C-alpha atoms as a PDB file:
ATOM      1  CA  UNK A   1     -51.647  13.473-124.321  1.00  0.00           C
ATOM      2  CA  UNK A   2     -49.152  15.119-122.849  1.00  0.00           C
ATOM      3  CA  UNK A   3     -47.665  18.709-124.157  1.00  0.00           C
ATOM      4  CA  UNK A   4     -44.313  20.579-122.384  1.00  0.00           C
ATOM      5  CA  UNK A   5     -43.441  24.282-124.169  1.00  0.00           C
ATOM      6  CA  UNK A   6     -39.488  24.051-124.469  1.00  0.00           C
ATOM      7  CA  UNK A   7     -38.428  26.523-121.736  1.00  0.00           C
ATOM      8  CA  UNK A   8     -35.468  28.222-123.971  1.00  0.00           C
ATOM      9  CA  UNK A   9     -37.059  28.193-127.591  1.00  0.00           C
ATOM     10  CA  UNK A  10     -39.899  29.811-128.319  1.00  0.00           C
ATOM     11  CA  UNK A  11     -42.729  28.237-129.897  1.00  0.00           C
ATOM     12  CA  UNK A  12     -41.038  24.925-129.429  1.00  0.00           C
ATOM     13  CA  UNK A  13     -43.383  22.271-127.769  1.00  0.00           C
ATOM     14  CA  UNK A  14     -42.988  18.453-127.367  1.00  0.00           C
ATOM     15  CA  UNK A  15     -46.159  16.083-127.360  1.00  0.00           C
ATOM     16  CA  UNK A  16     -46.839  12.537-126.385  1.00  0.00           C
ATOM     17  CA  UNK A  17     -49.744  10.271-126.801  1.00  0.00           C
ATOM     18  CA  UNK A  18     -50.895   7.046-126.136  1.00  0.00           C
ATOM     19  CA  UNK A  19     -50.000   6.094-129.938  1.00  0.00           C
ATOM     20  CA  UNK A  20     -46.321   5.414-128.431  1.00  0.00           C
ATOM     21  CA  UNK A  21     -45.044   8.377-130.192  1.00  0.00           C
ATOM     22  CA  UNK A  22     -43.128  11.895-128.949  1.00  0.00           C
ATOM     23  CA  UNK A  23     -43.184  14.345-131.290  1.00  0.00           C
ATOM     24  CA  UNK A  24     -41.457  17.671-131.434  1.00  0.00           C
ATOM     25  CA  UNK A  25     -43.336  21.075-132.897  1.00  0.00           C
ATOM     26  CA  UNK A  26     -42.327  24.354-134.467  1.00  0.00           C
ATOM     27  CA  UNK A  27     -46.036  26.037-133.347  1.00  0.00           C
ATOM     28  CA  UNK A  28     -45.002  29.208-135.081  1.00  0.00           C
ATOM     29  CA  UNK A  29     -44.396  27.068-138.728  1.00  0.00           C
ATOM     30  CA  UNK A  30     -47.030  24.876-137.605  1.00  0.00           C
ATOM     31  CA  UNK A  31     -45.077  21.637-138.521  1.00  0.00           C
ATOM     32  CA  UNK A  32     -43.398  18.352-137.304  1.00  0.00           C
ATOM     33  CA  UNK A  33     -39.833  18.669-136.461  1.00  0.00           C
ATOM     34  CA  UNK A  34     -39.346  15.043-135.226  1.00  0.00           C
ATOM     35  CA  UNK A  35     -41.137  12.152-134.117  1.00  0.00           C
ATOM     36  CA  UNK A  36     -40.159   9.485-131.959  1.00  0.00           C
ATOM     37  CA  UNK A  37     -41.292   5.894-131.380  1.00  0.00           C
ATOM     38  CA  UNK A  38     -40.863   5.206-127.624  1.00  0.00           C
ATOM     39  CA  UNK A  39     -42.187   2.026-127.890  1.00  0.00           C
ATOM     40  CA  UNK A  40     -44.848   2.213-124.788  1.00  0.00           C
ATOM     41  CA  UNK A  41     -47.197   4.628-123.488  1.00  0.00           C
ATOM     42  CA  UNK A  42     -45.844   7.926-121.849  1.00  0.00           C
ATOM     43  CA  UNK A  43     -46.615   8.750-118.341  1.00  0.00           C
ATOM     44  CA  UNK A  44     -44.665  11.986-117.843  1.00  0.00           C
ATOM     45  CA  UNK A  45     -42.886  14.719-119.846  1.00  0.00           C
ATOM     46  CA  UNK A  46     -40.381  17.217-119.459  1.00  0.00           C
ATOM     47  CA  UNK A  47     -37.582  19.030-121.145  1.00  0.00           C
ATOM     48  CA  UNK A  48     -34.601  19.717-119.456  1.00  0.00           C
ATOM     49  CA  UNK A  49     -33.260  23.389-118.601  1.00  0.00           C
ATOM     50  CA  UNK A  50     -31.171  23.913-121.624  1.00  0.00           C
ATOM     51  CA  UNK A  51     -34.045  22.842-123.904  1.00  0.00           C
ATOM     52  CA  UNK A  52     -31.707  20.367-125.563  1.00  0.00           C
ATOM     53  CA  UNK A  53     -33.337  16.898-124.925  1.00  0.00           C
ATOM     54  CA  UNK A  54     -36.737  15.917-123.348  1.00  0.00           C
ATOM     55  CA  UNK A  55     -37.215  12.941-120.743  1.00  0.00           C
ATOM     56  CA  UNK A  56     -40.068  10.773-120.876  1.00  0.00           C
ATOM     57  CA  UNK A  57     -41.270   8.255-118.425  1.00  0.00           C
ATOM     58  CA  UNK A  58     -42.977   5.287-119.407  1.00  0.00           C
ATOM     59  CA  UNK A  59     -45.634   2.709-118.142  1.00  0.00           C
ATOM     60  CA  UNK A  60     -43.046  -0.012-118.220  1.00  0.00           C
ATOM     61  CA  UNK A  61     -40.972   2.378-116.174  1.00  0.00           C
ATOM     62  CA  UNK A  62     -38.329   3.317-118.755  1.00  0.00           C
ATOM     63  CA  UNK A  63     -37.091   6.840-118.938  1.00  0.00           C
ATOM     64  CA  UNK A  64     -35.946   8.057-122.142  1.00  0.00           C
ATOM     65  CA  UNK A  65     -33.740  11.197-122.919  1.00  0.00           C
ATOM     66  CA  UNK A  66     -34.658  12.014-126.506  1.00  0.00           C
ATOM     67  CA  UNK A  67     -32.424  14.677-128.129  1.00  0.00           C
ATOM     68  CA  UNK A  68     -34.669  16.037-131.248  1.00  0.00           C
ATOM     69  CA  UNK A  69     -31.620  17.743-133.171  1.00  0.00           C
ATOM     70  CA  UNK A  70     -29.833  14.960-133.131  1.00  0.00           C
ATOM     71  CA  UNK A  71     -32.786  12.691-133.502  1.00  0.00           C
ATOM     72  CA  UNK A  72     -31.459   9.980-130.693  1.00  0.00           C
ATOM     73  CA  UNK A  73     -32.852   8.557-127.558  1.00  0.00           C
ATOM     74  CA  UNK A  74     -30.967   7.327-124.895  1.00  0.00           C
ATOM     75  CA  UNK A  75     -32.773   4.345-122.678  1.00  0.00           C
ATOM     76  CA  UNK A  76     -32.302   4.201-118.961  1.00  0.00           C
ATOM     77  CA  UNK A  77     -34.281   2.155-116.244  1.00  0.00           C
ATOM     78  CA  UNK A  78     -36.501   4.333-114.010  1.00  0.00           C
ATOM     79  CA  UNK A  79     -37.444   3.582-110.775  1.00  0.00           C
ATOM     80  CA  UNK A  80     -38.796   0.461-109.601  1.00  0.00           C
ATOM     81  CA  UNK A  81     -41.438  -0.325-106.796  1.00  0.00           C
ATOM     82  CA  UNK A  82     -39.695   0.215-103.081  1.00  0.00           C
END
């Protein structure tokens, strides 16, 4: 399981787990804001510096950009082996 606090919004966090989901939480109200099925196990996760999107790398080398406010996921190819 991965957990990252939003760098700009207090008490907002993202979690990801081996069930292939990324969830955004409002910790002050103890509620789930959104849930996103990413289709594979997450290996790394980080908010962007504006706190608007979460980047998630998966075991199949995909990079997903999740915008929780728009409930949208953009997919790009991650790095390959050299």
